[in-house]
């Protein structure tokens, strides 16, 4: 049940109306393939800012984006590396955004920090998929 947040400027080629769905699909497809989440498990949001509201380091282009993924813990370092590479390669292929302009952060709060399915603690819920990939 990853929660995905994508932040970028409104000048980014992925921020236009027709491209947003494509970007969300790219992220979701990578998570399904690499993290082995169920296909129906989509929880993503785009945060699009005016350039004055999204400051970037001087070594980034205006197309830079920040992708934050909050996920249940359990994936290996190799799996995370594979996910990072998959996302960056897909975004670069889909939008021409330089790979150095894509930053990905994974947050992994413990299962006791998730209240899901009617207020149950995630540590006591059968997720229906393997977290150890």
Foldseek 3Di string as FASTA:
>chain_A
DKAKEKEAECVAPCNDPVNVVVLQVQLLVLCCVLQVDDSVDGHYDYHYHHPVVDDDPPVADNNAMEMEIEDADAEDPVSVVSSLVSSLVSCCVVRVHDSVRYHYYYHHDYQQPDQDDPGDRSVPDDSVDDRHD
